Amino acid sequence: MAVSSWQVPPDGYIQRGGRFGPHQFNETVNSEFNKFEDRIAFVAYFNGGVRAIDISDPYMMKEVGYYVPQENPRCGFIGGNQPHPNIQSNDVEVDYRGLVLAPDRVGCGLWILEFKK
């Protein structure tokens, strides 16, 4: 039974092109199963970047931070020969230092983020 839901407002992201929506959350921290002891979930949201969600109250989740990378000349292609200039945050991982690693699926880069409460 679902108890709550949360979504990035689509304002501006739909028009950017590419995929928009959740893809993956940080399933592990320092290569171990994430127990969400800090009550923050990081979610890769394709062209919506990386979102930090406070899940301490599962009935009222709220966004407490985000990072949306800018497009750059390194952005590559998605299938065939169609250029894809939009970032596509595809994955998110937290390392032993608490740094958030967020790669882009179309070659725009790897972002290393630090979340400050």
Protein backbone atom coordinates (compact mmCIF):
# COMPACT_ATOMS: atom_id res chain seq x y z
CA MET A 1 0.00 0.00 0.00
CA ALA A 2 1.43 3.36 -0.99
CA VAL A 3 1.59 5.89 1.83
CA SER A 4 3.03 8.88 -0.01
CA SER A 5 4.40 10.12 -3.30
CA TRP A 6 6.67 12.92 -4.40
CA GLN A 7 7.54 14.33 -7.81
CA VAL A 8 9.66 17.10 -9.26
CA PRO A 9 7.41 19.81 -10.71
CA PRO A 10 7.68 19.42 -14.51
CA ASP A 11 8.11 23.19 -15.05
CA GLY A 12 10.72 23.67 -17.74
CA TYR A 13 12.04 20.09 -17.70
CA ILE A 14 9.58 18.73 -20.24
CA GLN A 15 10.59 21.46 -22.71
CA ARG A 16 14.32 20.67 -22.27
CA GLY A 17 13.92 17.43 -24.17
CA GLY A 18 15.25 14.00 -23.34
CA ARG A 19 13.88 11.90 -20.54
CA PHE A 20 12.35 13.45 -17.43
CA GLY A 21 11.45 11.53 -14.30
CA PRO A 22 12.96 9.31 -11.64
CA HIS A 23 15.42 6.65 -12.67
CA GLN A 24 17.43 5.39 -9.72
CA PHE A 25 17.99 6.20 -6.05
CA ASN A 26 21.14 5.63 -4.03
CA GLU A 27 20.68 1.95 -3.27
CA THR A 28 24.04 1.72 -1.54
CA VAL A 29 26.28 3.87 0.60
CA ASN A 30 29.97 3.00 0.49
CA SER A 31 29.07 -0.15 -1.48
CA GLU A 32 26.78 -1.45 1.29
CA PHE A 33 22.99 -1.67 1.31
CA ASN A 34 21.54 1.77 2.10
CA LYS A 35 19.52 1.70 5.33
CA PHE A 36 18.70 5.43 4.95
CA GLU A 37 19.91 6.12 8.47
CA ASP A 38 20.39 9.79 7.56
CA ARG A 39 16.82 9.87 6.16
CA ILE A 40 17.92 11.42 2.88
CA ALA A 41 17.36 9.67 -0.46
CA PHE A 42 19.22 10.90 -3.53
CA VAL A 43 17.35 10.30 -6.79
CA ALA A 44 18.68 10.51 -10.36
CA TYR A 45 15.94 12.32 -12.28
CA PHE A 46 17.26 12.32 -15.88
CA ASN A 47 17.05 15.94 -17.16
CA GLY A 48 15.86 16.99 -13.68
CA GLY A 49 19.35 16.27 -12.30
CA VAL A 50 19.89 14.79 -8.84
CA ARG A 51 17.31 15.40 -6.13
CA ALA A 52 17.75 15.06 -2.34
CA ILE A 53 14.53 13.93 -0.65
CA ASP A 54 13.94 13.97 3.11
CA ILE A 55 12.15 10.71 3.87
CA SER A 56 12.15 11.09 7.67
CA ASP A 57 8.34 11.38 7.54
CA PRO A 58 7.29 8.87 4.89
CA TYR A 59 3.81 10.40 4.82
CA MET A 60 5.18 13.85 3.92
CA MET A 61 8.37 13.53 1.86
CA LYS A 62 9.99 16.80 0.83
CA GLU A 63 12.81 17.93 -1.38
CA VAL A 64 15.73 19.38 0.60
CA GLY A 65 18.18 19.95 -2.24
CA TYR A 66 18.92 19.39 -5.90
CA TYR A 67 21.60 19.79 -8.53
CA VAL A 68 20.80 20.13 -12.23
CA PRO A 69 23.97 20.11 -14.35
CA GLN A 70 24.19 22.40 -17.34
CA GLU A 71 24.52 21.08 -20.87
CA ASN A 72 28.04 21.26 -22.23
CA PRO A 73 30.01 20.39 -25.40
CA ARG A 74 30.82 16.89 -24.06
CA CYS A 75 27.17 15.84 -24.24
CA GLY A 76 26.92 13.02 -26.75
CA PHE A 77 24.39 10.91 -28.53
CA ILE A 78 21.55 8.60 -27.57
CA GLY A 79 21.31 5.90 -30.22
CA GLY A 80 21.94 6.40 -33.89
CA ASN A 81 23.29 9.73 -35.02
CA GLN A 82 20.89 11.98 -33.15
CA PRO A 83 22.81 14.48 -31.01
CA HIS A 84 21.48 14.76 -27.48
CA PRO A 85 22.50 18.07 -25.89
CA ASN A 86 20.48 17.58 -22.69
CA ILE A 87 21.93 16.12 -19.53
CA GLN A 88 20.49 12.77 -18.48
CA SER A 89 21.37 12.02 -14.83
CA ASN A 90 21.10 8.28 -14.87
CA ASP A 91 22.56 6.95 -11.65
CA VAL A 92 23.53 8.11 -8.17
CA GLU A 93 25.84 6.60 -5.57
CA VAL A 94 27.12 7.77 -2.18
CA ASP A 95 30.71 6.95 -1.25
CA TYR A 96 32.38 6.41 2.14
CA ARG A 97 32.92 10.16 2.57
CA GLY A 98 29.27 10.96 1.95
CA LEU A 99 30.01 12.40 -1.50
CA VAL A 100 27.29 11.90 -4.07
CA LEU A 101 28.52 10.60 -7.45
CA ALA A 102 26.21 11.27 -10.37
CA PRO A 103 27.15 10.17 -13.91
CA ASP A 104 25.36 11.27 -17.05
CA ARG A 105 24.19 8.65 -19.54
CA VAL A 106 24.99 10.71 -22.66
CA GLY A 107 28.57 11.60 -21.81
CA CYS A 108 28.01 15.09 -20.37
CA GLY A 109 30.14 14.26 -17.35
CA LEU A 110 30.41 12.86 -13.85
CA TRP A 111 29.38 15.18 -11.06
CA ILE A 112 30.68 14.81 -7.53
CA LEU A 113 28.38 16.55 -5.09
CA GLU A 114 28.45 17.25 -1.36
CA PHE A 115 25.15 17.54 0.47
CA LYS A 116 25.09 20.05 3.30
CA LYS A 117 22.19 19.95 5.73
